[in-house]
Amino acid sequence: MKFNKTRNKVIGAIFIVIVVLLFFMFPTKYYLEVPGSAEPTSQYVKVDGKHDKKKGDLLLTTVGLVKGTPFTL
């Protein structure tokens, strides 16, 4: 059997592309916590008859969850 170098290079390139795509897109059973936003608590907490006179904000920090891939893990 004679080896066809061009055909072997094309098949090898296709194999490498498939492996790289799986590495970036294949879902795993793991989740990652990622940084979320910082929201002011004034929109969640209200006190009747009182106004906040102090400078600055009290912020509520949030996190997000994303499905892990081999790349992100």
PDB file of N, CA and C in Angstrom:
ATOM      1  N   MET A   1       0.840  -1.166   0.000  1.00  0.00           N
ATOM      2  CA  MET A   1       0.000   0.000   0.000  1.00  0.00           C
ATOM      3  C   MET A   1       0.894   1.242   0.000  1.00  0.00           C
ATOM      4  N   LYS A   2       0.625   2.149  -0.913  1.00  0.00           N
ATOM      5  CA  LYS A   2       1.423   3.355  -1.038  1.00  0.00           C
ATOM      6  C   LYS A   2       0.798   4.456  -0.189  1.00  0.00           C
ATOM      7  N   PHE A   3       1.639   5.167   0.542  1.00  0.00           N
ATOM      8  CA  PHE A   3       1.155   6.246   1.403  1.00  0.00           C
ATOM      9  C   PHE A   3       0.973   7.525   0.593  1.00  0.00           C
ATOM     10  N   ASN A   4      -0.156   8.148   0.778  1.00  0.00           N
ATOM     11  CA  ASN A   4      -0.443   9.413   0.122  1.00  0.00           C
ATOM     12  C   ASN A   4      -0.247  10.513   1.166  1.00  0.00           C
ATOM     13  N   LYS A   5       0.849  11.279   1.035  1.00  0.00           N
ATOM     14  CA  LYS A   5       1.199  12.273   2.050  1.00  0.00           C
ATOM     15  C   LYS A   5       0.140  13.367   2.164  1.00  0.00           C
ATOM     16  N   THR A   6      -0.410  13.794   1.061  1.00  0.00           N
ATOM     17  CA  THR A   6      -1.422  14.856   1.097  1.00  0.00           C
ATOM     18  C   THR A   6      -2.669  14.379   1.825  1.00  0.00           C
ATOM     19  N   ARG A   7      -3.110  13.177   1.528  1.00  0.00           N
ATOM     20  CA  ARG A   7      -4.297  12.637   2.189  1.00  0.00           C
ATOM     21  C   ARG A   7      -4.052  12.478   3.680  1.00  0.00           C
ATOM     22  N   ASN A   8      -2.879  12.002   4.076  1.00  0.00           N
ATOM     23  CA  ASN A   8      -2.561  11.841   5.487  1.00  0.00           C
ATOM     24  C   ASN A   8      -2.523  13.184   6.216  1.00  0.00           C
ATOM     25  N   LYS A   9      -2.021  14.227   5.565  1.00  0.00           N
ATOM     26  CA  LYS A   9      -1.989  15.560   6.177  1.00  0.00           C
ATOM     27  C   LYS A   9      -3.401  16.099   6.373  1.00  0.00           C
ATOM     28  N   VAL A  10      -4.277  15.891   5.396  1.00  0.00           N
ATOM     29  CA  VAL A  10      -5.657  16.362   5.505  1.00  0.00           C
ATOM     30  C   VAL A  10      -6.384  15.615   6.625  1.00  0.00           C
ATOM     31  N   ILE A  11      -6.233  14.319   6.682  1.00  0.00           N
ATOM     32  CA  ILE A  11      -6.882  13.531   7.737  1.00  0.00           C
ATOM     33  C   ILE A  11      -6.319  13.919   9.111  1.00  0.00           C
ATOM     34  N   GLY A  12      -5.022  14.132   9.187  1.00  0.00           N
ATOM     35  CA  GLY A  12      -4.409  14.564  10.446  1.00  0.00           C
ATOM     36  C   GLY A  12      -4.906  15.935  10.884  1.00  0.00           C
ATOM     37  N   ALA A  13      -5.035  16.866   9.938  1.00  0.00           N
ATOM     38  CA  ALA A  13      -5.529  18.204  10.261  1.00  0.00           C
ATOM     39  C   ALA A  13      -6.975  18.150  10.742  1.00  0.00           C
ATOM     40  N   ILE A  14      -7.802  17.344  10.090  1.00  0.00           N
ATOM     41  CA  ILE A  14      -9.207  17.202  10.513  1.00  0.00           C
ATOM     42  C   ILE A  14      -9.273  16.612  11.916  1.00  0.00           C
ATOM     43  N   PHE A  15      -8.450  15.621  12.208  1.00  0.00           N
ATOM     44  CA  PHE A  15      -8.412  15.013  13.534  1.00  0.00           C
ATOM     45  C   PHE A  15      -8.004  16.039  14.597  1.00  0.00           C
ATOM     46  N   ILE A  16      -6.998  16.835  14.307  1.00  0.00           N
ATOM     47  CA  ILE A  16      -6.538  17.850  15.257  1.00  0.00           C
ATOM     48  C   ILE A  16      -7.624  18.900  15.500  1.00  0.00           C
ATOM     49  N   VAL A  17      -8.313  19.327  14.451  1.00  0.00           N
ATOM     50  CA  VAL A  17      -9.392  20.310  14.602  1.00  0.00           C
ATOM     51  C   VAL A  17     -10.507  19.744  15.479  1.00  0.00           C
ATOM     52  N   ILE A  18     -10.860  18.488  15.284  1.00  0.00           N
ATOM     53  CA  ILE A  18     -11.916  17.867  16.093  1.00  0.00           C
ATOM     54  C   ILE A  18     -11.485  17.789  17.557  1.00  0.00           C
ATOM     55  N   VAL A  19     -10.251  17.417  17.826  1.00  0.00           N
ATOM     56  CA  VAL A  19      -9.758  17.324  19.200  1.00  0.00           C
ATOM     57  C   VAL A  19      -9.750  18.700  19.861  1.00  0.00           C
ATOM     58  N   VAL A  20      -9.325  19.723  19.141  1.00  0.00           N
ATOM     59  CA  VAL A  20      -9.301  21.091  19.699  1.00  0.00           C
ATOM     60  C   VAL A  20     -10.716  21.576  19.982  1.00  0.00           C
ATOM     61  N   LEU A  21     -11.650  21.327  19.074  1.00  0.00           N
ATOM     62  CA  LEU A  21     -13.043  21.729  19.301  1.00  0.00           C
ATOM     63  C   LEU A  21     -13.627  21.018  20.517  1.00  0.00           C
ATOM     64  N   LEU A  22     -13.362  19.750  20.678  1.00  0.00           N
ATOM     65  CA  LEU A  22     -13.839  19.030  21.854  1.00  0.00           C
ATOM     66  C   LEU A  22     -13.233  19.599  23.135  1.00  0.00           C
ATOM     67  N   PHE A  23     -11.979  19.985  23.075  1.00  0.00           N
ATOM     68  CA  PHE A  23     -11.306  20.555  24.241  1.00  0.00           C
ATOM     69  C   PHE A  23     -11.980  21.843  24.686  1.00  0.00           C
ATOM     70  N   PHE A  24     -12.435  22.662  23.746  1.00  0.00           N
ATOM     71  CA  PHE A  24     -13.054  23.939  24.080  1.00  0.00           C
ATOM     72  C   PHE A  24     -14.559  23.836  24.324  1.00  0.00           C
ATOM     73  N   MET A  25     -15.240  22.830  23.795  1.00  0.00           N
ATOM     74  CA  MET A  25     -16.694  22.813  23.837  1.00  0.00           C
ATOM     75  C   MET A  25     -17.309  21.637  24.583  1.00  0.00           C
ATOM     76  N   PHE A  26     -16.573  20.588  24.868  1.00  0.00           N
ATOM     77  CA  PHE A  26     -17.128  19.402  25.503  1.00  0.00           C
ATOM     78  C   PHE A  26     -17.535  19.721  26.938  1.00  0.00           C
ATOM     79  N   PRO A  27     -18.817  19.581  27.292  1.00  0.00           N
ATOM     80  CA  PRO A  27     -19.237  19.902  28.658  1.00  0.00           C
ATOM     81  C   PRO A  27     -18.805  18.823  29.646  1.00  0.00           C
ATOM     82  N   THR A  28     -18.513  19.259  30.848  1.00  0.00           N
ATOM     83  CA  THR A  28     -18.186  18.326  31.920  1.00  0.00           C
ATOM     84  C   THR A  28     -19.287  18.383  32.972  1.00  0.00           C
ATOM     85  N   LYS A  29     -19.163  17.591  34.013  1.00  0.00           N
ATOM     86  CA  LYS A  29     -20.177  17.597  35.061  1.00  0.00           C
ATOM     87  C   LYS A  29     -19.900  18.678  36.102  1.00  0.00           C
ATOM     88  N   TYR A  30     -18.878  19.477  35.901  1.00  0.00           N
ATOM     89  CA  TYR A  30     -18.483  20.502  36.862  1.00  0.00           C
ATOM     90  C   TYR A  30     -19.009  21.879  36.456  1.00  0.00           C
ATOM     91  N   TYR A  31     -19.225  22.723  37.471  1.00  0.00           N
ATOM     92  CA  TYR A  31     -19.627  24.114  37.259  1.00  0.00           C
ATOM     93  C   TYR A  31     -18.570  25.015  37.882  1.00  0.00           C
ATOM     94  N   LEU A  32     -18.425  26.199  37.338  1.00  0.00           N
ATOM     95  CA  LEU A  32     -17.469  27.172  37.850  1.00  0.00           C
ATOM     96  C   LEU A  32     -18.213  28.389  38.367  1.00  0.00           C
ATOM     97  N   GLU A  33     -17.776  28.920  39.501  1.00  0.00           N
ATOM     98  CA  GLU A  33     -18.300  30.183  39.985  1.00  0.00           C
ATOM     99  C   GLU A  33     -17.448  31.291  39.393  1.00  0.00           C
ATOM    100  N   VAL A  34     -18.103  32.235  38.761  1.00  0.00           N
ATOM    101  CA  VAL A  34     -17.402  33.348  38.129  1.00  0.00           C
ATOM    102  C   VAL A  34     -17.890  34.646  38.761  1.00  0.00           C
ATOM    103  N   PRO A  35     -17.087  35.697  38.712  1.00  0.00           N
ATOM    104  CA  PRO A  35     -17.508  36.963  39.302  1.00  0.00           C
ATOM    105  C   PRO A  35     -18.774  37.496  38.635  1.00  0.00           C
ATOM    106  N   GLY A  36     -19.624  38.065  39.452  1.00  0.00           N
ATOM    107  CA  GLY A  36     -20.854  38.675  38.957  1.00  0.00           C
ATOM    108  C   GLY A  36     -20.784  40.183  39.115  1.00  0.00           C
ATOM    109  N   SER A  37     -21.922  40.779  39.365  1.00  0.00           N
ATOM    110  CA  SER A  37     -21.980  42.237  39.490  1.00  0.00           C
ATOM    111  C   SER A  37     -22.008  42.638  40.960  1.00  0.00           C
ATOM    112  N   ALA A  38     -21.850  43.929  41.206  1.00  0.00           N
ATOM    113  CA  ALA A  38     -21.983  44.496  42.552  1.00  0.00           C
ATOM    114  C   ALA A  38     -23.188  45.427  42.514  1.00  0.00           C
ATOM    115  N   GLU A  39     -24.249  45.041  43.210  1.00  0.00           N
ATOM    116  CA  GLU A  39     -25.513  45.784  43.184  1.00  0.00           C
ATOM    117  C   GLU A  39     -25.669  46.558  44.492  1.00  0.00           C
ATOM    118  N   PRO A  40     -26.150  47.798  44.422  1.00  0.00           N
ATOM    119  CA  PRO A  40     -26.394  48.539  45.668  1.00  0.00           C
ATOM    120  C   PRO A  40     -27.560  47.916  46.443  1.00  0.00           C
ATOM    121  N   THR A  41     -27.411  47.844  47.759  1.00  0.00           N
ATOM    122  CA  THR A  41     -28.464  47.239  48.583  1.00  0.00           C
ATOM    123  C   THR A  41     -29.666  48.155  48.742  1.00  0.00           C
ATOM    124  N   SER A  42     -29.533  49.411  48.356  1.00  0.00           N
ATOM    125  CA  SER A  42     -30.650  50.357  48.527  1.00  0.00           C
ATOM    126  C   SER A  42     -31.876  49.941  47.710  1.00  0.00           C
ATOM    127  N   GLN A  43     -31.695  49.215  46.657  1.00  0.00           N
ATOM    128  CA  GLN A  43     -32.847  48.776  45.871  1.00  0.00           C
ATOM    129  C   GLN A  43     -33.540  47.558  46.494  1.00  0.00           C
ATOM    130  N   TYR A  44     -32.898  46.913  47.473  1.00  0.00           N
ATOM    131  CA  TYR A  44     -33.478  45.747  48.127  1.00  0.00           C
ATOM    132  C   TYR A  44     -33.965  46.031  49.553  1.00  0.00           C
ATOM    133  N   VAL A  45     -33.363  47.025  50.204  1.00  0.00           N
ATOM    134  CA  VAL A  45     -33.686  47.316  51.596  1.00  0.00           C
ATOM    135  C   VAL A  45     -34.312  48.703  51.678  1.00  0.00           C
ATOM    136  N   LYS A  46     -35.505  48.802  52.245  1.00  0.00           N
ATOM    137  CA  LYS A  46     -36.201  50.075  52.439  1.00  0.00           C
ATOM    138  C   LYS A  46     -36.582  50.192  53.907  1.00  0.00           C
ATOM    139  N   VAL A  47     -36.352  51.373  54.491  1.00  0.00           N
ATOM    140  CA  VAL A  47     -36.734  51.640  55.869  1.00  0.00           C
ATOM    141  C   VAL A  47     -37.685  52.835  55.842  1.00  0.00           C
ATOM    142  N   ASP A  48     -38.898  52.655  56.376  1.00  0.00           N
ATOM    143  CA  ASP A  48     -39.901  53.722  56.359  1.00  0.00           C
ATOM    144  C   ASP A  48     -39.467  54.910  57.208  1.00  0.00           C
ATOM    145  N   GLY A  49     -39.564  56.107  56.653  1.00  0.00           N
ATOM    146  CA  GLY A  49     -39.293  57.334  57.385  1.00  0.00           C
ATOM    147  C   GLY A  49     -37.829  57.641  57.600  1.00  0.00           C
ATOM    148  N   LYS A  50     -36.937  56.910  57.055  1.00  0.00           N
ATOM    149  CA  LYS A  50     -35.504  57.152  57.249  1.00  0.00           C
ATOM    150  C   LYS A  50     -34.837  57.380  55.893  1.00  0.00           C
ATOM    151  N   HIS A  51     -33.904  58.313  55.880  1.00  0.00           N
ATOM    152  CA  HIS A  51     -33.126  58.595  54.682  1.00  0.00           C
ATOM    153  C   HIS A  51     -31.647  58.414  55.009  1.00  0.00           C
ATOM    154  N   ASP A  52     -30.925  57.827  54.121  1.00  0.00           N
ATOM    155  CA  ASP A  52     -29.497  57.592  54.313  1.00  0.00           C
ATOM    156  C   ASP A  52     -28.751  58.879  54.004  1.00  0.00           C
ATOM    157  N   LYS A  53     -28.053  59.434  55.002  1.00  0.00           N
ATOM    158  CA  LYS A  53     -27.338  60.702  54.827  1.00  0.00           C
ATOM    159  C   LYS A  53     -25.830  60.489  54.700  1.00  0.00           C
ATOM    160  N   LYS A  54     -25.364  59.269  54.819  1.00  0.00           N
ATOM    161  CA  LYS A  54     -23.935  59.004  54.763  1.00  0.00           C
ATOM    162  C   LYS A  54     -23.474  58.846  53.319  1.00  0.00           C
ATOM    163  N   LYS A  55     -22.211  59.187  53.103  1.00  0.00           N
ATOM    164  CA  LYS A  55     -21.623  59.032  51.776  1.00  0.00           C
ATOM    165  C   LYS A  55     -21.226  57.577  51.559  1.00  0.00           C
ATOM    166  N   GLY A  56     -21.200  57.165  50.304  1.00  0.00           N
ATOM    167  CA  GLY A  56     -20.778  55.809  49.966  1.00  0.00           C
ATOM    168  C   GLY A  56     -21.965  54.884  49.770  1.00  0.00           C
ATOM    169  N   ASP A  57     -21.668  53.683  49.363  1.00  0.00           N
ATOM    170  CA  ASP A  57     -22.688  52.677  49.095  1.00  0.00           C
ATOM    171  C   ASP A  57     -22.328  51.369  49.780  1.00  0.00           C
ATOM    172  N   LEU A  58     -23.351  50.641  50.140  1.00  0.00           N
ATOM    173  CA  LEU A  58     -23.181  49.269  50.604  1.00  0.00           C
ATOM    174  C   LEU A  58     -23.605  48.381  49.438  1.00  0.00           C
ATOM    175  N   LEU A  59     -22.682  47.562  48.943  1.00  0.00           N
ATOM    176  CA  LEU A  59     -22.933  46.783  47.740  1.00  0.00           C
ATOM    177  C   LEU A  59     -23.085  45.303  48.058  1.00  0.00           C
ATOM    178  N   LEU A  60     -23.967  44.670  47.317  1.00  0.00           N
ATOM    179  CA  LEU A  60     -24.190  43.232  47.399  1.00  0.00           C
ATOM    180  C   LEU A  60     -23.466  42.604  46.209  1.00  0.00           C
ATOM    181  N   THR A  61     -22.500  41.742  46.485  1.00  0.00           N
ATOM    182  CA  THR A  61     -21.716  41.120  45.415  1.00  0.00           C
ATOM    183  C   THR A  61     -22.380  39.814  44.993  1.00  0.00           C
ATOM    184  N   THR A  62     -22.479  39.606  43.693  1.00  0.00           N
ATOM    185  CA  THR A  62     -23.111  38.404  43.163  1.00  0.00           C
ATOM    186  C   THR A  62     -22.073  37.534  42.465  1.00  0.00           C
ATOM    187  N   VAL A  63     -22.423  36.273  42.269  1.00  0.00           N
ATOM    188  CA  VAL A  63     -21.587  35.348  41.503  1.00  0.00           C
ATOM    189  C   VAL A  63     -22.452  34.689  40.441  1.00  0.00           C
ATOM    190  N   GLY A  64     -21.817  34.186  39.415  1.00  0.00           N
ATOM    191  CA  GLY A  64     -22.514  33.460  38.367  1.00  0.00           C
ATOM    192  C   GLY A  64     -21.990  32.037  38.284  1.00  0.00           C
ATOM    193  N   LEU A  65     -22.774  31.172  37.681  1.00  0.00           N
ATOM    194  CA  LEU A  65     -22.361  29.785  37.475  1.00  0.00           C
ATOM    195  C   LEU A  65     -22.305  29.499  35.978  1.00  0.00           C
ATOM    196  N   VAL A  66     -21.217  28.881  35.547  1.00  0.00           N
ATOM    197  CA  VAL A  66     -21.083  28.458  34.146  1.00  0.00           C
ATOM    198  C   VAL A  66     -20.677  26.996  34.123  1.00  0.00           C
ATOM    199  N   LYS A  67     -21.119  26.299  33.117  1.00  0.00           N
ATOM    200  CA  LYS A  67     -20.777  24.886  32.942  1.00  0.00           C
ATOM    201  C   LYS A  67     -19.308  24.806  32.522  1.00  0.00           C
ATOM    202  N   GLY A  68     -18.573  23.931  33.157  1.00  0.00           N
ATOM    203  CA  GLY A  68     -17.142  23.815  32.882  1.00  0.00           C
ATOM    204  C   GLY A  68     -16.849  22.997  31.637  1.00  0.00           C
ATOM    205  N   THR A  69     -15.819  23.382  30.925  1.00  0.00           N
ATOM    206  CA  THR A  69     -15.269  22.619  29.798  1.00  0.00           C
ATOM    207  C   THR A  69     -13.828  22.262  30.162  1.00  0.00           C
ATOM    208  N   PRO A  70     -13.221  21.345  29.461  1.00  0.00           N
ATOM    209  CA  PRO A  70     -11.811  21.049  29.779  1.00  0.00           C
ATOM    210  C   PRO A  70     -10.928  22.289  29.718  1.00  0.00           C
ATOM    211  N   PHE A  71     -11.202  23.219  28.820  1.00  0.00           N
ATOM    212  CA  PHE A  71     -10.416  24.449  28.703  1.00  0.00           C
ATOM    213  C   PHE A  71     -10.597  25.328  29.929  1.00  0.00           C
ATOM    214  N   THR A  72     -11.857  25.540  30.380  1.00  0.00           N
ATOM    215  CA  THR A  72     -12.089  26.436  31.506  1.00  0.00           C
ATOM    216  C   THR A  72     -11.673  25.814  32.829  1.00  0.00           C
ATOM    217  N   LEU A  73     -11.643  24.491  32.903  1.00  0.00           N
ATOM    218  CA  LEU A  73     -11.174  23.859  34.136  1.00  0.00           C
ATOM    219  C   LEU A  73      -9.680  23.954  34.243  1.00  0.00           C
TER     220      LEU A  73
END
